[in-house]
Amino acid sequence: MKTWRLAVVATVFALAAACSNPEADWKKAEAENSEAAYQAFLDKHPDGEWGQKAQAQLDSIKDGRDWENAQTADAIEAYNNYLLAHPTGSHMGEARQRISELETEAAWQTAQSAGSKEALEDFLMRYADAPQAEQARTQLAAMAPPP
């Protein structure tokens, strides 16, 4: 009978040790502060307060990583990819601003390459407030025949 009780107690302790403790797992994930650690935590404990915190931390890490990648590429497609992955991300406004700047720069390069009155006028119609607008106006004035 004692052997049976001892086996039951040993089994209970083994099961208790095998079950992970959400608080201890959270502290471990928080100390490591990595995408892998938070994902591992979520795999074990998807629900509850710590699950929500882990998801928020994981989202923040991914947001930062994807923003760095977009900045490194510094291309419209990269910023659009960031916005697709993080439509409400912490760098949403910056990404949209940089897309606008890159589009304006590309349009200016196109107008400059064309070198025509029509190309400059088209640029001014679309980007009247752009930093390059004054230069476009100057170039247009130079193309106009004297009165």
N, C-alpha and C. Protein backbone atom coordinates (compact mmCIF):
# COMPACT_ATOMS: atom_id res chain seq x y z
N MET A 1 0.82 -1.18 0.00
CA MET A 1 0.00 0.00 0.00
C MET A 1 0.87 1.25 0.00
N LYS A 2 1.95 1.22 0.80
CA LYS A 2 2.85 2.36 0.84
C LYS A 2 3.51 2.56 -0.52
N THR A 3 3.84 1.52 -1.20
CA THR A 3 4.47 1.60 -2.50
C THR A 3 3.52 2.26 -3.50
N TRP A 4 2.26 1.89 -3.40
CA TRP A 4 1.25 2.47 -4.30
C TRP A 4 1.12 3.97 -4.05
N ARG A 5 1.05 4.40 -2.78
CA ARG A 5 0.96 5.81 -2.43
C ARG A 5 2.21 6.55 -2.89
N LEU A 6 3.32 5.95 -2.68
CA LEU A 6 4.58 6.56 -3.10
C LEU A 6 4.61 6.74 -4.62
N ALA A 7 4.11 5.79 -5.36
CA ALA A 7 4.06 5.88 -6.83
C ALA A 7 3.11 7.00 -7.25
N VAL A 8 1.96 7.12 -6.57
CA VAL A 8 1.00 8.17 -6.90
C VAL A 8 1.61 9.54 -6.61
N VAL A 9 2.23 9.69 -5.46
CA VAL A 9 2.85 10.97 -5.09
C VAL A 9 3.96 11.31 -6.08
N ALA A 10 4.76 10.35 -6.44
CA ALA A 10 5.85 10.59 -7.40
C ALA A 10 5.28 10.99 -8.75
N THR A 11 4.20 10.36 -9.17
CA THR A 11 3.56 10.70 -10.45
C THR A 11 3.00 12.12 -10.41
N VAL A 12 2.35 12.49 -9.30
CA VAL A 12 1.80 13.84 -9.16
C VAL A 12 2.92 14.87 -9.24
N PHE A 13 4.01 14.62 -8.54
CA PHE A 13 5.13 15.56 -8.59
C PHE A 13 5.74 15.63 -9.99
N ALA A 14 5.83 14.53 -10.66
CA ALA A 14 6.38 14.50 -12.02
C ALA A 14 5.48 15.28 -12.97
N LEU A 15 4.17 15.08 -12.83
CA LEU A 15 3.24 15.82 -13.68
C LEU A 15 3.29 17.32 -13.37
N ALA A 16 3.39 17.66 -12.11
CA ALA A 16 3.47 19.08 -11.73
C ALA A 16 4.74 19.70 -12.29
N ALA A 17 5.82 18.97 -12.26
CA ALA A 17 7.09 19.50 -12.79
C ALA A 17 7.02 19.61 -14.31
N ALA A 18 6.30 18.70 -14.95
CA ALA A 18 6.21 18.72 -16.42
C ALA A 18 5.35 19.88 -16.90
N CYS A 19 4.33 20.22 -16.11
CA CYS A 19 3.48 21.35 -16.49
C CYS A 19 4.26 22.63 -16.30
N SER A 20 4.21 23.46 -17.30
CA SER A 20 4.96 24.69 -17.19
C SER A 20 4.19 25.71 -16.37
N ASN A 21 4.91 26.54 -15.70
CA ASN A 21 4.35 27.59 -14.87
C ASN A 21 4.31 28.87 -15.71
N PRO A 22 3.11 29.41 -15.98
CA PRO A 22 3.03 30.61 -16.83
C PRO A 22 3.87 31.78 -16.32
N GLU A 23 3.86 31.99 -15.01
CA GLU A 23 4.62 33.12 -14.47
C GLU A 23 6.11 32.92 -14.68
N ALA A 24 6.60 31.73 -14.41
CA ALA A 24 8.02 31.45 -14.59
C ALA A 24 8.40 31.51 -16.07
N ASP A 25 7.52 30.99 -16.92
CA ASP A 25 7.79 31.03 -18.36
C ASP A 25 7.78 32.47 -18.86
N TRP A 26 6.89 33.29 -18.31
CA TRP A 26 6.84 34.71 -18.70
C TRP A 26 8.13 35.42 -18.32
N LYS A 27 8.59 35.18 -17.10
CA LYS A 27 9.83 35.81 -16.64
C LYS A 27 11.00 35.39 -17.52
N LYS A 28 11.01 34.14 -17.91
CA LYS A 28 12.08 33.64 -18.79
C LYS A 28 12.01 34.33 -20.15
N ALA A 29 10.81 34.42 -20.72
CA ALA A 29 10.65 35.06 -22.04
C ALA A 29 11.01 36.54 -21.95
N GLU A 30 10.59 37.18 -20.87
CA GLU A 30 10.87 38.60 -20.68
C GLU A 30 12.37 38.85 -20.54
N ALA A 31 13.05 37.97 -19.83
CA ALA A 31 14.49 38.11 -19.65
C ALA A 31 15.24 37.93 -20.96
N GLU A 32 14.78 36.99 -21.78
CA GLU A 32 15.42 36.75 -23.08
C GLU A 32 15.06 37.84 -24.08
N ASN A 33 13.81 38.31 -24.00
CA ASN A 33 13.31 39.42 -24.83
C ASN A 33 13.63 39.22 -26.32
N SER A 34 13.23 38.08 -26.84
CA SER A 34 13.46 37.79 -28.26
C SER A 34 12.18 37.28 -28.89
N GLU A 35 12.18 37.33 -30.20
CA GLU A 35 11.02 36.83 -30.94
C GLU A 35 10.79 35.36 -30.63
N ALA A 36 11.86 34.58 -30.60
CA ALA A 36 11.73 33.14 -30.33
C ALA A 36 11.19 32.88 -28.93
N ALA A 37 11.65 33.65 -27.94
CA ALA A 37 11.21 33.44 -26.56
C ALA A 37 9.73 33.75 -26.40
N TYR A 38 9.28 34.86 -26.97
CA TYR A 38 7.86 35.20 -26.86
C TYR A 38 6.99 34.23 -27.65
N GLN A 39 7.47 33.76 -28.78
CA GLN A 39 6.71 32.79 -29.55
C GLN A 39 6.60 31.48 -28.78
N ALA A 40 7.69 31.05 -28.15
CA ALA A 40 7.67 29.83 -27.35
C ALA A 40 6.68 29.97 -26.19
N PHE A 41 6.67 31.15 -25.58
CA PHE A 41 5.72 31.39 -24.49
C PHE A 41 4.28 31.26 -25.01
N LEU A 42 4.02 31.90 -26.15
CA LEU A 42 2.67 31.85 -26.72
C LEU A 42 2.25 30.44 -27.12
N ASP A 43 3.22 29.65 -27.56
CA ASP A 43 2.91 28.27 -27.91
C ASP A 43 2.42 27.49 -26.69
N LYS A 44 2.98 27.81 -25.52
CA LYS A 44 2.59 27.13 -24.29
C LYS A 44 1.38 27.78 -23.63
N HIS A 45 1.31 29.11 -23.70
CA HIS A 45 0.28 29.85 -22.97
C HIS A 45 -0.35 30.92 -23.87
N PRO A 46 -1.19 30.50 -24.80
CA PRO A 46 -1.75 31.47 -25.75
C PRO A 46 -2.79 32.41 -25.14
N ASP A 47 -3.37 32.02 -24.03
CA ASP A 47 -4.45 32.81 -23.44
C ASP A 47 -3.99 33.51 -22.16
N GLY A 48 -4.83 34.40 -21.70
CA GLY A 48 -4.57 35.05 -20.43
C GLY A 48 -3.77 36.33 -20.57
N GLU A 49 -3.55 36.95 -19.43
CA GLU A 49 -2.86 38.25 -19.39
C GLU A 49 -1.45 38.17 -19.97
N TRP A 50 -0.70 37.14 -19.58
CA TRP A 50 0.67 37.04 -20.09
C TRP A 50 0.69 36.70 -21.57
N GLY A 51 -0.30 35.96 -22.02
CA GLY A 51 -0.40 35.68 -23.45
C GLY A 51 -0.58 36.95 -24.26
N GLN A 52 -1.41 37.85 -23.74
CA GLN A 52 -1.61 39.14 -24.40
C GLN A 52 -0.34 39.98 -24.38
N LYS A 53 0.35 39.96 -23.26
CA LYS A 53 1.61 40.71 -23.16
C LYS A 53 2.66 40.13 -24.11
N ALA A 54 2.71 38.82 -24.16
CA ALA A 54 3.68 38.17 -25.04
C ALA A 54 3.39 38.51 -26.50
N GLN A 55 2.10 38.50 -26.86
CA GLN A 55 1.73 38.84 -28.24
C GLN A 55 2.12 40.29 -28.55
N ALA A 56 1.89 41.19 -27.61
CA ALA A 56 2.24 42.59 -27.81
C ALA A 56 3.75 42.75 -27.98
N GLN A 57 4.52 42.06 -27.17
CA GLN A 57 5.98 42.13 -27.28
C GLN A 57 6.45 41.54 -28.60
N LEU A 58 5.85 40.43 -28.99
CA LEU A 58 6.20 39.79 -30.25
C LEU A 58 5.89 40.72 -31.43
N ASP A 59 4.71 41.34 -31.38
CA ASP A 59 4.34 42.28 -32.44
C ASP A 59 5.30 43.46 -32.50
N SER A 60 5.72 43.95 -31.35
CA SER A 60 6.65 45.07 -31.29
C SER A 60 8.02 44.70 -31.87
N ILE A 61 8.49 43.53 -31.55
CA ILE A 61 9.78 43.07 -32.08
C ILE A 61 9.71 42.93 -33.60
N LYS A 62 8.63 42.32 -34.09
CA LYS A 62 8.47 42.15 -35.54
C LYS A 62 8.34 43.50 -36.23
N ASP A 63 7.60 44.42 -35.62
CA ASP A 63 7.44 45.76 -36.17
C ASP A 63 8.81 46.44 -36.31
N GLY A 64 9.61 46.38 -35.28
CA GLY A 64 10.94 46.99 -35.32
C GLY A 64 11.84 46.35 -36.37
N ARG A 65 11.81 45.03 -36.43
CA ARG A 65 12.62 44.32 -37.41
C ARG A 65 12.21 44.68 -38.84
N ASP A 66 10.92 44.67 -39.10
CA ASP A 66 10.43 44.96 -40.44
C ASP A 66 10.66 46.42 -40.82
N TRP A 67 10.59 47.32 -39.84
CA TRP A 67 10.87 48.73 -40.12
C TRP A 67 12.34 48.91 -40.49
N GLU A 68 13.23 48.27 -39.76
CA GLU A 68 14.67 48.34 -40.09
C GLU A 68 14.92 47.81 -41.49
N ASN A 69 14.28 46.71 -41.84
CA ASN A 69 14.44 46.14 -43.19
C ASN A 69 13.95 47.12 -44.26
N ALA A 70 12.83 47.77 -44.00
CA ALA A 70 12.29 48.74 -44.96
C ALA A 70 13.24 49.92 -45.12
N GLN A 71 13.78 50.41 -44.01
CA GLN A 71 14.72 51.53 -44.08
C GLN A 71 16.00 51.14 -44.80
N THR A 72 16.45 49.94 -44.58
CA THR A 72 17.67 49.47 -45.25
C THR A 72 17.46 49.43 -46.75
N ALA A 73 16.33 48.90 -47.18
CA ALA A 73 16.03 48.83 -48.61
C ALA A 73 15.72 50.21 -49.17
N ASP A 74 15.07 51.05 -48.38
CA ASP A 74 14.67 52.41 -48.77
C ASP A 74 14.05 52.44 -50.16
N ALA A 75 13.02 51.62 -50.33
CA ALA A 75 12.32 51.52 -51.61
C ALA A 75 10.82 51.49 -51.34
N ILE A 76 10.07 51.98 -52.29
CA ILE A 76 8.62 52.04 -52.13
C ILE A 76 8.06 50.66 -51.80
N GLU A 77 8.50 49.65 -52.51
CA GLU A 77 8.00 48.29 -52.27
C GLU A 77 8.28 47.84 -50.83
N ALA A 78 9.46 48.16 -50.31
CA ALA A 78 9.81 47.76 -48.95
C ALA A 78 8.91 48.45 -47.92
N TYR A 79 8.64 49.74 -48.13
CA TYR A 79 7.75 50.45 -47.21
C TYR A 79 6.31 49.95 -47.34
N ASN A 80 5.89 49.62 -48.54
CA ASN A 80 4.56 49.04 -48.73
C ASN A 80 4.45 47.68 -48.04
N ASN A 81 5.51 46.89 -48.12
CA ASN A 81 5.52 45.60 -47.44
C ASN A 81 5.42 45.78 -45.93
N TYR A 82 6.12 46.78 -45.41
CA TYR A 82 6.02 47.09 -43.98
C TYR A 82 4.56 47.41 -43.63
N LEU A 83 3.94 48.28 -44.43
CA LEU A 83 2.56 48.69 -44.15
C LEU A 83 1.58 47.52 -44.27
N LEU A 84 1.84 46.61 -45.20
CA LEU A 84 0.98 45.42 -45.32
C LEU A 84 1.09 44.53 -44.08
N ALA A 85 2.31 44.38 -43.60
CA ALA A 85 2.53 43.53 -42.43
C ALA A 85 2.08 44.21 -41.13
N HIS A 86 2.16 45.54 -41.10
CA HIS A 86 1.86 46.30 -39.88
C HIS A 86 0.99 47.51 -40.21
N PRO A 87 -0.26 47.29 -40.58
CA PRO A 87 -1.10 48.42 -41.00
C PRO A 87 -1.30 49.48 -39.92
N THR A 88 -1.14 49.10 -38.67
CA THR A 88 -1.22 50.09 -37.59
C THR A 88 0.09 50.13 -36.81
N GLY A 89 1.18 49.81 -37.50
CA GLY A 89 2.49 49.74 -36.86
C GLY A 89 2.98 51.09 -36.34
N SER A 90 3.99 51.04 -35.51
CA SER A 90 4.49 52.26 -34.88
C SER A 90 5.19 53.19 -35.86
N HIS A 91 5.52 52.70 -37.05
CA HIS A 91 6.20 53.53 -38.06
C HIS A 91 5.32 53.77 -39.28
N MET A 92 4.02 53.59 -39.12
CA MET A 92 3.07 53.72 -40.22
C MET A 92 3.19 55.10 -40.88
N GLY A 93 3.18 56.16 -40.10
CA GLY A 93 3.26 57.52 -40.65
C GLY A 93 4.57 57.77 -41.37
N GLU A 94 5.65 57.30 -40.76
CA GLU A 94 6.97 57.47 -41.39
C GLU A 94 7.05 56.72 -42.71
N ALA A 95 6.47 55.53 -42.75
CA ALA A 95 6.50 54.73 -43.98
C ALA A 95 5.72 55.44 -45.09
N ARG A 96 4.55 55.95 -44.75
CA ARG A 96 3.75 56.66 -45.76
C ARG A 96 4.46 57.92 -46.24
N GLN A 97 5.10 58.62 -45.33
CA GLN A 97 5.84 59.84 -45.70
C GLN A 97 6.99 59.49 -46.64
N ARG A 98 7.71 58.42 -46.32
CA ARG A 98 8.86 58.05 -47.16
C ARG A 98 8.39 57.58 -48.53
N ILE A 99 7.27 56.88 -48.61
CA ILE A 99 6.71 56.48 -49.90
C ILE A 99 6.41 57.72 -50.73
N SER A 100 5.80 58.70 -50.12
CA SER A 100 5.47 59.94 -50.81
C SER A 100 6.74 60.64 -51.32
N GLU A 101 7.75 60.69 -50.49
CA GLU A 101 9.02 61.32 -50.89
C GLU A 101 9.66 60.58 -52.06
N LEU A 102 9.67 59.25 -51.98
CA LEU A 102 10.28 58.45 -53.05
C LEU A 102 9.50 58.58 -54.36
N GLU A 103 8.17 58.63 -54.26
CA GLU A 103 7.36 58.83 -55.47
C GLU A 103 7.63 60.20 -56.08
N THR A 104 7.74 61.22 -55.25
CA THR A 104 8.04 62.57 -55.74
C THR A 104 9.42 62.61 -56.40
N GLU A 105 10.39 61.99 -55.76
CA GLU A 105 11.75 61.95 -56.33
C GLU A 105 11.76 61.24 -57.68
N ALA A 106 11.02 60.14 -57.78
CA ALA A 106 10.96 59.39 -59.04
C ALA A 106 10.29 60.23 -60.12
N ALA A 107 9.21 60.92 -59.77
CA ALA A 107 8.53 61.78 -60.74
C ALA A 107 9.43 62.93 -61.18
N TRP A 108 10.19 63.48 -60.27
CA TRP A 108 11.12 64.56 -60.61
C TRP A 108 12.21 64.06 -61.55
N GLN A 109 12.74 62.89 -61.28
CA GLN A 109 13.76 62.31 -62.15
C GLN A 109 13.20 62.08 -63.55
N THR A 110 11.97 61.61 -63.62
CA THR A 110 11.33 61.39 -64.92
C THR A 110 11.17 62.70 -65.67
N ALA A 111 10.72 63.74 -64.97
CA ALA A 111 10.55 65.06 -65.59
C ALA A 111 11.89 65.61 -66.05
N GLN A 112 12.92 65.43 -65.23
CA GLN A 112 14.25 65.92 -65.58
C GLN A 112 14.80 65.17 -66.79
N SER A 113 14.59 63.86 -66.81
CA SER A 113 15.08 63.06 -67.93
C SER A 113 14.39 63.44 -69.23
N ALA A 114 13.10 63.69 -69.14
CA ALA A 114 12.36 64.08 -70.35
C ALA A 114 12.82 65.46 -70.82
N GLY A 115 13.03 66.35 -69.88
CA GLY A 115 13.53 67.69 -70.21
C GLY A 115 12.58 68.53 -71.04
N SER A 116 11.33 68.16 -71.07
CA SER A 116 10.38 68.90 -71.90
C SER A 116 9.48 69.79 -71.03
N LYS A 117 8.89 70.76 -71.70
CA LYS A 117 7.96 71.66 -71.04
C LYS A 117 6.78 70.85 -70.50
N GLU A 118 6.29 69.91 -71.28
CA GLU A 118 5.14 69.11 -70.88
C GLU A 118 5.44 68.28 -69.64
N ALA A 119 6.63 67.72 -69.58
CA ALA A 119 7.01 66.89 -68.43
C ALA A 119 7.10 67.75 -67.16
N LEU A 120 7.66 68.93 -67.28
CA LEU A 120 7.75 69.82 -66.13
C LEU A 120 6.37 70.30 -65.68
N GLU A 121 5.52 70.62 -66.65
CA GLU A 121 4.16 71.04 -66.30
C GLU A 121 3.39 69.91 -65.62
N ASP A 122 3.56 68.68 -66.13
CA ASP A 122 2.91 67.53 -65.52
C ASP A 122 3.40 67.34 -64.08
N PHE A 123 4.70 67.48 -63.89
CA PHE A 123 5.26 67.36 -62.54
C PHE A 123 4.62 68.40 -61.61
N LEU A 124 4.55 69.62 -62.07
CA LEU A 124 3.99 70.70 -61.25
C LEU A 124 2.50 70.49 -60.96
N MET A 125 1.77 69.94 -61.89
CA MET A 125 0.35 69.67 -61.64
C MET A 125 0.19 68.64 -60.52
N ARG A 126 1.04 67.64 -60.52
CA ARG A 126 0.92 66.57 -59.53
C ARG A 126 1.64 66.88 -58.22
N TYR A 127 2.70 67.68 -58.29
CA TYR A 127 3.54 67.91 -57.10
C TYR A 127 3.82 69.40 -56.91
N ALA A 128 2.79 70.21 -56.90
CA ALA A 128 2.95 71.66 -56.83
C ALA A 128 3.65 72.13 -55.55
N ASP A 129 3.54 71.35 -54.49
CA ASP A 129 4.15 71.74 -53.22
C ASP A 129 5.44 70.99 -52.92
N ALA A 130 5.93 70.25 -53.88
CA ALA A 130 7.15 69.46 -53.66
C ALA A 130 8.37 70.37 -53.55
N PRO A 131 9.41 69.90 -52.89
CA PRO A 131 10.63 70.70 -52.79
C PRO A 131 11.23 71.06 -54.16
N GLN A 132 10.97 70.24 -55.16
CA GLN A 132 11.53 70.47 -56.49
C GLN A 132 10.66 71.42 -57.34
N ALA A 133 9.51 71.81 -56.82
CA ALA A 133 8.56 72.61 -57.61
C ALA A 133 9.15 73.94 -58.05
N GLU A 134 9.88 74.60 -57.17
CA GLU A 134 10.45 75.90 -57.54
C GLU A 134 11.47 75.75 -58.66
N GLN A 135 12.25 74.69 -58.59
CA GLN A 135 13.22 74.43 -59.66
C GLN A 135 12.49 74.16 -60.97
N ALA A 136 11.38 73.43 -60.92
CA ALA A 136 10.59 73.15 -62.13
C ALA A 136 10.04 74.45 -62.70
N ARG A 137 9.56 75.34 -61.84
CA ARG A 137 9.05 76.64 -62.32
C ARG A 137 10.15 77.46 -62.98
N THR A 138 11.32 77.44 -62.38
CA THR A 138 12.46 78.17 -62.94
C THR A 138 12.83 77.63 -64.33
N GLN A 139 12.85 76.29 -64.44
CA GLN A 139 13.17 75.68 -65.72
C GLN A 139 12.10 76.00 -66.77
N LEU A 140 10.84 76.00 -66.35
CA LEU A 140 9.76 76.35 -67.28
C LEU A 140 9.89 77.81 -67.74
N ALA A 141 10.21 78.70 -66.83
CA ALA A 141 10.37 80.11 -67.19
C ALA A 141 11.50 80.28 -68.18
N ALA A 142 12.54 79.50 -68.03
CA ALA A 142 13.69 79.58 -68.94
C ALA A 142 13.32 79.07 -70.33
N MET A 143 12.33 78.17 -70.39
CA MET A 143 11.91 77.62 -71.68
C MET A 143 10.94 78.55 -72.41
N ALA A 144 10.32 79.44 -71.69
CA ALA A 144 9.33 80.33 -72.31
C ALA A 144 10.03 81.37 -73.18
N PRO A 145 9.46 81.64 -74.32
CA PRO A 145 10.10 82.65 -75.20
C PRO A 145 9.96 84.04 -74.56
N PRO A 146 10.94 84.90 -74.75
CA PRO A 146 10.88 86.24 -74.18
C PRO A 146 9.71 87.03 -74.80
N PRO A 147 9.09 87.93 -74.00
CA PRO A 147 7.96 88.70 -74.53
C PRO A 147 8.36 89.68 -75.59
